[in-house]
């Protein structure tokens, strides 16, 4: 997700493992920085779940890919804006620059 934002590319989200679900939900539903392929996909089959809840269709994939490829969409504008913000964090004085500097100093100062 970070790489796609850094380069200004929206994502088609289809979370499969561990922390993918919450991150995909935030990217798609909360921030509008991606399109949903299927956010409620389940890896384990449960006999109480209908097949349509488990299967990810070609149509669902196609629709999400089309959404992220729209050139002048609101999603692309949001992703471009977020990309600019991401790049600023890496500049001198940016939050990522500052955080990595603190980490390096902490390691150096705590070497036995």
Protein backbone atom coordinates (compact mmCIF):
# COMPACT_ATOMS: atom_id res chain seq x y z
CA UNK A 1 0.00 0.00 0.00
CA UNK A 2 2.79 2.42 0.87
CA UNK A 3 4.50 1.89 -2.47
CA UNK A 4 1.31 2.46 -4.44
CA UNK A 5 0.62 5.68 -2.52
CA UNK A 6 4.20 6.88 -2.91
CA UNK A 7 3.99 6.47 -6.67
CA UNK A 8 0.42 7.81 -6.93
CA UNK A 9 -1.20 4.55 -8.01
CA UNK A 10 -4.62 3.55 -6.62
CA UNK A 11 -5.04 -0.07 -5.51
CA UNK A 12 -7.58 -2.77 -6.25
CA UNK A 13 -7.94 -4.36 -2.80
CA UNK A 14 -8.45 -8.07 -2.25
CA UNK A 15 -7.12 -8.79 1.24
CA UNK A 16 -6.20 -12.40 2.00
CA UNK A 17 -4.12 -12.60 5.20
CA UNK A 18 -3.58 -11.16 8.67
CA UNK A 19 -3.56 -7.36 8.62
CA UNK A 20 -4.61 -7.02 4.98
CA UNK A 21 -8.31 -6.68 5.84
CA UNK A 22 -8.15 -3.63 8.10
CA UNK A 23 -5.62 -1.89 5.85
CA UNK A 24 -7.69 -2.56 2.71
CA UNK A 25 -10.84 -1.39 4.48
CA UNK A 26 -9.14 1.85 5.49
CA UNK A 27 -7.72 2.45 2.01
CA UNK A 28 -10.99 1.74 0.19
CA UNK A 29 -13.86 2.68 2.48
CA UNK A 30 -12.40 5.31 4.81
CA UNK A 31 -9.88 7.11 2.60
CA UNK A 32 -11.19 6.41 -0.91
CA UNK A 33 -7.70 5.55 -2.19
CA UNK A 34 -8.57 2.28 -3.85
CA UNK A 35 -11.29 0.06 -5.27
CA UNK A 36 -12.71 -3.03 -3.65
CA UNK A 37 -12.36 -6.37 -5.35
CA UNK A 38 -13.70 -8.18 -2.30
CA UNK A 39 -13.07 -7.05 1.27
CA UNK A 40 -14.96 -9.86 3.00
CA UNK A 41 -13.23 -12.76 1.23
CA UNK A 42 -12.77 -15.89 3.36
CA UNK A 43 -9.98 -18.43 2.92
CA UNK A 44 -11.63 -21.19 4.95
CA UNK A 45 -14.80 -22.71 3.61
CA UNK A 46 -17.71 -22.77 6.04
CA UNK A 47 -20.81 -24.80 5.24
CA UNK A 48 -22.97 -22.01 6.70
CA UNK A 49 -21.71 -19.51 4.10
CA UNK A 50 -23.31 -19.40 0.65
CA UNK A 51 -21.05 -19.94 -2.37
CA UNK A 52 -21.63 -16.38 -3.60
CA UNK A 53 -19.99 -15.12 -0.38
CA UNK A 54 -16.84 -17.17 -0.97
CA UNK A 55 -16.27 -16.94 -4.72
CA UNK A 56 -14.61 -13.87 -6.21
CA UNK A 57 -15.93 -13.50 -9.73
CA UNK A 58 -14.14 -12.24 -12.81
CA UNK A 59 -16.74 -9.47 -12.97
CA UNK A 60 -15.80 -8.22 -9.47
CA UNK A 61 -12.13 -8.16 -10.43
CA UNK A 62 -12.87 -6.45 -13.76
CA UNK A 63 -15.00 -3.73 -12.13
CA UNK A 64 -12.33 -2.90 -9.54
CA UNK A 65 -9.58 -2.76 -12.17
CA UNK A 66 -11.69 -0.44 -14.33
CA UNK A 67 -12.28 1.86 -11.34
CA UNK A 68 -8.57 2.23 -10.59
CA UNK A 69 -7.76 2.82 -14.26
CA UNK A 70 -10.17 5.75 -14.72
CA UNK A 71 -7.89 8.65 -15.58
CA UNK A 72 -9.88 11.56 -14.17
CA UNK A 73 -11.57 9.94 -11.19
CA UNK A 74 -11.93 11.40 -7.71
CA UNK A 75 -9.96 8.39 -6.44
CA UNK A 76 -6.95 9.29 -8.62
CA UNK A 77 -7.06 12.89 -7.37
CA UNK A 78 -7.05 11.67 -3.76
CA UNK A 79 -4.19 9.26 -4.44
CA UNK A 80 -2.16 11.99 -6.15
CA UNK A 81 -2.71 14.30 -3.17
CA UNK A 82 -1.70 11.53 -0.74
CA UNK A 83 1.37 10.77 -2.87
CA UNK A 84 2.55 14.36 -2.48
CA UNK A 85 2.05 14.13 1.28
CA UNK A 86 4.00 10.85 1.41
CA UNK A 87 6.92 12.41 -0.44
CA UNK A 88 7.00 15.34 1.98
CA UNK A 89 7.49 12.98 4.93
CA UNK A 90 10.79 11.84 3.43
CA UNK A 91 12.22 15.32 3.01
CA UNK A 92 14.56 16.93 5.51
CA UNK A 93 12.36 17.78 8.48
CA UNK A 94 9.55 15.44 7.40
CA UNK A 95 8.00 12.97 9.84
CA UNK A 96 9.60 9.85 8.30
CA UNK A 97 12.97 11.57 8.11
CA UNK A 98 12.63 12.64 11.74
CA UNK A 99 11.52 9.18 12.92
CA UNK A 100 14.37 7.30 11.25
CA UNK A 101 16.84 9.84 12.62
CA UNK A 102 15.47 9.27 16.16
CA UNK A 103 15.74 5.50 15.69
CA UNK A 104 19.36 5.69 14.54
CA UNK A 105 20.29 8.00 17.42
CA UNK A 106 18.54 5.72 19.91
CA UNK A 107 20.44 2.67 18.63
CA UNK A 108 23.76 4.52 18.71
CA UNK A 109 23.17 5.91 22.20
CA UNK A 110 22.15 2.53 23.62
CA UNK A 111 24.94 0.34 22.30
CA UNK A 112 26.53 -1.38 25.34
